[in-house]
Protein backbone atom coordinates (compact mmCIF):
# COMPACT_ATOMS: atom_id res chain seq x y z
CA MET A 1 25.29 73.00 -34.94
CA LEU A 2 27.37 70.60 -36.99
CA LYS A 3 26.34 69.66 -40.49
CA ARG A 4 28.10 67.68 -43.20
CA LYS A 5 31.25 67.56 -41.11
CA SER A 6 32.81 64.12 -40.73
CA LEU A 7 34.26 62.70 -37.52
CA ILE A 8 37.52 60.93 -38.38
CA SER A 9 39.60 61.83 -35.32
CA THR A 10 38.98 63.77 -32.12
CA ARG A 11 41.95 66.03 -32.89
CA GLU A 12 40.03 67.64 -35.78
CA TRP A 13 37.10 68.68 -33.61
CA GLU A 14 37.12 71.65 -31.29
CA ILE A 15 36.77 70.71 -27.63
CA GLU A 16 33.45 72.61 -27.59
CA ASP A 17 32.12 70.33 -30.32
CA ILE A 18 33.24 67.23 -28.42
CA GLU A 19 31.49 68.56 -25.33
CA LEU A 20 28.33 69.14 -27.38
CA LEU A 21 28.50 65.54 -28.59
CA ILE A 22 29.00 64.20 -25.05
CA SER A 23 26.12 66.33 -23.76
CA LEU A 24 23.80 65.01 -26.46
CA ALA A 25 24.95 61.43 -25.76
CA LYS A 26 23.99 61.93 -22.11
CA ASP A 27 20.60 63.25 -23.17
CA ILE A 28 19.97 60.33 -25.52
CA LYS A 29 20.87 57.92 -22.73
CA LYS A 30 18.43 59.66 -20.38
CA TRP A 31 15.72 59.79 -23.04
CA ARG A 32 16.16 56.12 -23.86
CA TYR A 33 15.64 55.07 -20.25
CA ALA A 34 12.57 57.33 -20.15
CA GLY A 35 11.30 55.82 -23.40
CA ASN A 36 11.07 59.05 -25.40
CA VAL A 37 14.12 59.46 -27.66
CA PRO A 38 13.57 62.01 -30.46
CA LYS A 39 13.73 60.27 -33.82
CA PHE A 40 16.57 62.33 -35.26
CA LEU A 41 17.11 59.75 -38.04
CA LYS A 42 13.48 59.04 -38.87
CA ASP A 43 13.08 57.91 -42.51
CA ARG A 44 16.87 58.06 -43.05
CA SER A 45 19.08 55.28 -44.34
CA LEU A 46 22.71 54.94 -43.28
CA PHE A 47 25.41 52.59 -44.48
CA MET A 48 28.16 50.92 -42.48
CA LEU A 49 31.22 49.75 -44.42
CA TYR A 50 33.38 47.33 -42.49
CA CYS A 51 36.08 44.66 -42.82
CA ASN A 52 36.34 41.37 -40.94
CA GLU A 53 33.70 40.79 -38.26
CA ALA A 54 33.55 44.21 -36.52
CA ILE A 55 31.09 42.63 -34.08
CA ARG A 56 31.16 45.31 -31.41
CA ALA A 57 30.99 48.17 -33.91
CA ARG A 58 28.01 46.65 -35.71
CA ILE A 59 26.17 46.06 -32.42
CA CYS A 60 26.69 49.66 -31.31
CA VAL A 61 25.85 51.28 -34.63
CA GLY A 62 22.82 49.07 -35.18
CA ALA A 63 21.45 49.97 -31.75
CA ALA A 64 22.28 53.66 -32.18
CA VAL A 65 20.46 53.98 -35.49
CA ASP A 66 17.47 52.02 -34.19
CA ILE A 67 17.19 54.34 -31.18
CA LEU A 68 17.02 57.35 -33.48
CA GLY A 69 14.43 55.81 -35.78
CA GLY A 70 16.64 55.23 -38.80
CA ARG A 71 17.80 52.18 -40.70
CA VAL A 72 21.37 50.99 -41.20
CA HIS A 73 22.61 48.74 -43.99
CA PHE A 74 25.77 46.72 -43.30
CA ILE A 75 28.21 46.32 -46.18
CA ASN A 76 31.02 43.82 -45.59
CA LEU A 77 34.11 44.76 -47.57
CA PRO A 78 36.00 41.62 -48.69
CA THR A 79 39.30 43.47 -49.03
CA LEU A 80 40.86 46.87 -48.39
CA ASP A 81 40.93 47.89 -52.05
CA GLU A 82 41.05 51.70 -51.92
CA GLU A 83 39.49 52.50 -55.26
CA ARG A 84 36.73 49.94 -54.85
CA ILE A 85 35.88 51.19 -51.35
CA VAL A 86 35.74 54.78 -52.56
CA ASP A 87 33.38 53.74 -55.35
CA ILE A 88 31.16 51.86 -52.85
CA ALA A 89 31.18 54.90 -50.57
CA ARG A 90 30.13 57.17 -53.44
CA ILE A 91 27.18 54.88 -54.18
CA CYS A 92 26.18 54.78 -50.50
CA GLY A 93 26.57 58.55 -50.30
CA LYS A 94 23.90 58.98 -52.95
CA ALA A 95 21.56 56.47 -51.32
CA GLY A 96 21.92 57.42 -47.66
CA SER A 97 22.36 60.23 -45.15
CA ALA A 98 25.71 59.15 -43.68
CA ILE A 99 28.38 56.48 -43.86
CA VAL A 100 29.98 54.71 -40.92
CA MET A 101 33.36 53.01 -41.50
CA GLU A 102 35.28 50.42 -39.44
CA LEU A 103 38.55 49.30 -41.05
CA SER A 104 40.86 48.96 -38.04
CA GLU A 105 41.75 45.27 -37.94
CA GLU A 106 42.06 45.02 -41.72
CA ALA A 107 44.04 48.26 -41.95
CA ILE A 108 46.84 46.97 -39.71
CA LYS A 109 47.68 44.40 -42.38
CA HIS A 110 48.84 47.31 -44.56
CA PRO A 111 51.56 49.94 -44.05
CA TYR A 112 50.69 52.55 -41.44
CA GLY A 113 48.33 55.26 -42.63
CA PHE A 114 46.75 53.34 -45.49
CA GLY A 115 43.41 52.67 -43.81
CA ASN A 116 43.09 56.22 -42.54
CA SER A 117 43.79 57.54 -46.03
CA VAL A 118 40.95 55.37 -47.36
CA VAL A 119 38.55 56.84 -44.81
CA ARG A 120 39.65 60.37 -45.68
CA ARG A 121 39.35 59.81 -49.42
CA CYS A 122 35.80 58.57 -48.92
CA ALA A 123 34.97 61.66 -46.87
CA GLU A 124 36.42 63.89 -49.59
CA ARG A 125 34.57 62.22 -52.45
CA ILE A 126 31.04 62.12 -51.04
CA ASP A 127 28.53 64.76 -49.95
CA VAL A 128 27.35 63.07 -46.76
CA PRO A 129 29.27 62.83 -43.47
CA VAL A 130 31.56 59.94 -42.55
CA LEU A 131 31.76 58.59 -39.01
CA ASN A 132 35.00 56.71 -38.35
CA LEU A 133 34.60 53.77 -35.97
CA GLY A 134 38.24 52.84 -36.24
CA ASP A 135 41.24 52.67 -38.51
CA GLU A 136 44.90 52.05 -37.69
CA LYS A 137 45.45 55.68 -36.59
CA PHE A 138 42.25 56.85 -34.94
CA ASN A 139 39.07 55.68 -33.24
CA PRO A 140 37.18 58.80 -32.12
CA VAL A 141 33.94 57.11 -31.07
CA GLN A 142 35.71 54.78 -28.67
CA ALA A 143 37.82 57.62 -27.26
CA ILE A 144 34.80 59.86 -26.71
CA SER A 145 32.90 56.93 -25.18
CA ASP A 146 35.83 56.37 -22.83
CA MET A 147 35.76 60.03 -21.82
CA LEU A 148 32.00 59.97 -21.24
CA THR A 149 32.43 56.90 -19.02
CA ILE A 150 35.27 58.54 -17.09
CA LYS A 151 33.13 61.63 -16.51
CA GLU A 152 30.24 59.51 -15.27
CA LYS A 153 32.49 57.80 -12.73
CA LEU A 154 34.73 60.70 -11.63
CA GLY A 155 32.58 63.75 -12.31
CA ASP A 156 32.57 66.22 -15.21
CA ASP A 157 35.77 67.96 -14.12
CA VAL A 158 38.55 65.45 -14.82
CA ARG A 159 41.39 67.97 -14.77
CA GLY A 160 44.41 66.67 -12.91
CA LYS A 161 43.11 63.10 -12.68
CA LYS A 162 45.83 60.53 -13.30
CA CYS A 163 44.95 58.58 -16.43
CA VAL A 164 47.23 55.63 -17.20
CA ILE A 165 46.97 54.21 -20.70
CA THR A 166 48.98 51.01 -20.86
CA TRP A 167 49.89 48.25 -23.27
CA ILE A 168 48.96 44.80 -22.01
CA TYR A 169 49.83 41.41 -23.43
CA SER A 170 47.44 39.80 -25.87
CA ASP A 171 47.75 37.16 -28.56
CA GLU A 172 45.53 39.32 -30.78
CA VAL A 173 47.18 41.95 -32.98
CA ARG A 174 45.23 45.18 -32.75
CA SER A 175 45.55 48.66 -34.20
CA ARG A 176 46.74 51.81 -32.44
CA GLY A 177 43.59 53.74 -33.29
CA ALA A 178 41.79 53.72 -29.94
CA VAL A 179 44.86 54.32 -27.80
CA GLN A 180 46.06 57.26 -29.89
CA ASP A 181 42.67 58.96 -29.83
CA ASP A 182 42.40 58.23 -26.09
CA ILE A 183 45.68 60.08 -25.52
CA LEU A 184 44.68 62.97 -27.77
CA ILE A 185 41.38 63.56 -25.99
CA ALA A 186 42.60 62.96 -22.42
CA THR A 187 45.37 65.56 -22.76
CA ARG A 188 42.85 68.11 -24.06
CA TYR A 189 40.77 67.49 -20.96
CA ALA A 190 43.82 68.43 -18.84
CA MET A 191 44.26 64.98 -17.35
CA ASP A 192 47.67 63.85 -16.15
CA VAL A 193 48.28 61.16 -18.76
CA ILE A 194 50.83 58.37 -18.42
CA LEU A 195 51.50 56.17 -21.44
CA ALA A 196 53.14 52.84 -20.58
CA PHE A 197 54.48 50.27 -23.02
CA PRO A 198 57.42 47.86 -23.42
CA PRO A 199 60.31 48.48 -25.85
CA GLY A 200 59.30 48.27 -29.50
CA PHE A 201 55.69 49.39 -29.05
CA GLU A 202 56.14 53.14 -29.50
CA LEU A 203 53.22 55.10 -30.96
CA ASP A 204 52.99 57.73 -33.71
CA GLU A 205 55.67 60.33 -32.89
CA ASP A 206 53.80 63.23 -34.48
CA LEU A 207 50.62 62.44 -32.58
CA MET A 208 52.49 62.06 -29.30
CA LEU A 209 54.05 65.48 -29.89
CA LYS A 210 50.54 66.84 -30.48
CA ALA A 211 49.42 65.25 -27.21
CA LYS A 212 52.29 66.92 -25.34
CA GLU A 213 51.36 70.27 -26.88
CA SER A 214 47.72 69.77 -25.85
CA ALA A 215 48.73 68.90 -22.31
CA ASP A 216 50.78 72.09 -22.09
CA GLU A 217 48.00 74.16 -23.63
CA TYR A 218 45.15 72.86 -21.45
CA GLY A 219 47.06 72.51 -18.18
CA GLY A 220 47.50 68.75 -17.91
CA SER A 221 50.58 66.61 -18.41
CA PHE A 222 51.79 63.81 -20.64
CA LYS A 223 54.69 61.46 -20.07
CA VAL A 224 55.90 58.04 -21.17
CA GLU A 225 56.71 55.36 -18.60
CA ARG A 226 58.53 52.15 -19.54
CA ASP A 227 58.07 50.52 -16.11
CA PHE A 228 54.66 48.82 -15.92
CA LYS A 229 54.47 48.80 -12.13
CA GLN A 230 55.68 52.38 -11.77
CA ALA A 231 53.01 53.60 -14.18
CA LEU A 232 50.23 52.09 -12.09
CA ILE A 233 51.02 53.98 -8.89
CA GLY A 234 48.11 56.24 -7.96
CA ALA A 235 46.19 55.67 -11.22
CA GLN A 236 42.63 57.01 -11.04
CA VAL A 237 41.80 55.84 -14.56
CA LEU A 238 43.40 52.76 -16.08
CA ILE A 239 42.85 52.15 -19.79
CA LEU A 240 44.08 48.74 -20.92
CA ARG A 241 45.03 48.42 -24.57
CA SER A 242 47.08 46.12 -26.75
CA TRP A 243 48.52 47.27 -30.05
CA ALA A 244 50.93 46.05 -32.72
CA SER A 245 54.67 46.61 -32.46
CA LYS A 246 56.25 49.65 -34.10
CA GLU A 247 57.93 47.68 -36.90
CA CYS A 248 54.78 45.66 -37.59
CA VAL A 249 52.77 48.89 -37.85
CA LYS A 250 55.33 50.45 -40.16
CA LEU A 251 55.40 47.58 -42.65
CA GLY A 252 51.92 46.21 -42.13
CA LEU A 253 51.15 42.79 -40.68
CA ASN A 254 51.04 41.11 -44.09
CA LYS A 255 54.67 42.02 -44.81
CA PHE A 256 56.01 41.90 -41.25
CA GLY A 257 54.53 38.48 -40.62
CA GLY A 258 52.19 37.18 -37.94
CA ASP A 259 54.70 34.70 -36.50
CA ARG A 260 57.31 37.42 -36.19
CA GLU A 261 54.87 39.67 -34.37
CA VAL A 262 54.03 36.85 -31.95
CA GLU A 263 57.74 36.49 -31.15
CA VAL A 264 57.97 40.20 -30.33
CA ARG A 265 54.85 40.18 -28.16
CA ASP A 266 55.75 37.01 -26.27
CA LYS A 267 58.78 38.77 -24.77
CA TYR A 268 56.35 40.81 -22.69
CA ILE A 269 53.85 38.21 -21.56
CA ASP A 270 54.50 39.52 -18.03
CA TRP A 271 52.71 42.79 -18.90
CA LEU A 272 49.72 41.30 -17.12
CA LEU A 273 47.50 43.21 -14.71
CA THR A 274 46.90 41.21 -11.52
CA PRO A 275 45.04 41.99 -8.28
CA ASP A 276 48.39 42.55 -6.53
CA LEU A 277 49.38 45.19 -9.08
CA MET A 278 45.96 46.79 -8.77
CA ASP A 279 46.90 47.64 -5.19
CA LEU A 280 49.33 50.20 -6.64
CA ALA A 281 46.46 52.18 -8.18
CA ASP A 282 43.90 54.35 -6.45
CA ARG A 283 41.44 52.19 -4.49
CA ASN A 284 38.57 53.49 -6.65
CA VAL A 285 40.41 53.34 -9.97
CA VAL A 286 38.21 53.21 -13.08
CA VAL A 287 39.33 50.28 -15.28
CA ILE A 288 38.49 50.45 -18.99
CA HIS A 289 39.25 47.63 -21.42
CA ASP A 290 37.95 46.33 -24.72
CA LEU A 291 35.17 43.81 -25.05
CA PRO A 292 35.28 41.12 -26.29
CA ILE A 293 38.63 40.46 -24.57
CA SER A 294 41.11 37.57 -24.61
CA ARG A 295 40.29 35.96 -21.28
CA GLY A 296 43.17 35.71 -18.86
CA LYS A 297 45.59 37.60 -21.12
CA GLY A 298 46.59 41.15 -20.28
CA ALA A 299 44.48 41.13 -17.12
CA THR A 300 43.24 38.41 -14.80
CA MET A 301 39.59 37.41 -14.68
CA ALA A 302 39.28 38.87 -11.19
CA ILE A 303 39.91 42.30 -12.71
CA ILE A 304 37.95 41.83 -15.93
CA ASN A 305 34.85 40.69 -14.03
CA GLY A 306 35.53 42.79 -10.94
CA PRO A 307 33.66 45.82 -9.55
CA LEU A 308 36.22 48.35 -10.80
CA SER A 309 35.82 47.35 -14.45
CA VAL A 310 33.53 49.66 -16.41
CA ALA A 311 33.85 47.83 -19.73
CA LEU A 312 30.12 47.19 -20.10
CA ASP A 313 29.31 50.79 -19.18
CA GLN A 314 31.74 51.92 -21.88
CA VAL A 315 30.13 49.64 -24.47
CA GLU A 316 26.69 51.03 -23.62
CA ASN A 317 28.03 54.56 -23.86
CA SER A 318 29.44 53.74 -27.30
CA VAL A 319 25.84 53.31 -28.45
CA TYR A 320 24.87 56.77 -27.22
CA VAL A 321 28.03 58.44 -28.51
CA SER A 322 27.46 56.85 -31.92
CA ALA A 323 23.85 58.03 -31.86
CA ALA A 324 24.83 61.55 -30.82
CA ALA A 325 27.52 61.75 -33.49
CA LEU A 326 25.13 60.63 -36.22
CA ALA A 327 22.42 63.02 -35.01
CA LEU A 328 24.82 65.96 -35.06
CA LEU A 329 26.48 65.05 -38.34
CA THR A 330 23.21 64.63 -40.20
CA ALA A 331 21.30 67.42 -38.51
CA ASP A 332 19.41 69.86 -40.70
CA ARG A 333 17.97 71.53 -37.62
CA GLN A 334 19.33 72.35 -34.16
CA VAL A 335 19.32 69.32 -31.81
């Protein structure tokens, strides 16, 4: 049983704990459809601290807490002021049972690592658990939700399945958090992971080294592919992501400049997934992408709205993974 242990990245949880979380998420999903979810958060208040809109995160957390009988209070942070956020977190920590944080799209405006350090400082300074719904380095809830969705579609044993995680073109500048946690968890599940991206969009070198070590340890594989079409061949899972360029991440979007980032991204507008390219993948490939999505950018509408896309299933599973994480983190009895 987990108690008072925050979830900031999947890499800090044992695989057995992640499996426990996924198992509970499956149970909560089953119980919800049966209409008899245990009220693990009955009479508990939780607080969600977020920047910008965080629409999807607020939808999922709000639904998750409702399912478990609790109440969530949404606190919009006007700026990523570290000391102020820590103070707000300390107040919320005294008033509630847990804190959920979503800083990803605000964090990318700052030098790499700043947002994650804010989340960690909050976790260190308060007595209640912190659930990270995204910063510029990690997004464990989305990664675990992706894995749950993959297991539902391909079966519980995903060892040796070819999982392609690829950059796609978008006019929106997004953080690396979800893609890095996706890689970290997929390699621990012994999948054969291919990471594809154009020049200038390299990820965190230390984390990629950790992913390679995990692949070796658990019996999977991890490799980088710079050829978009080559990466797609035989893909059984296709995770579509867009993230900021390496130099933008290093300096932060505020200093690097939005117009400059657009110039870098526009060189690779042809990193677009089309039905013809989908023919390179396995005929039953599972396609995962973010919602909301920039329509017609990164992937055609035929793919986004097609039968192979599991985006809505993944969003629904994010509700149950969030619920399971909060139930485990706040548990004062075995669940």
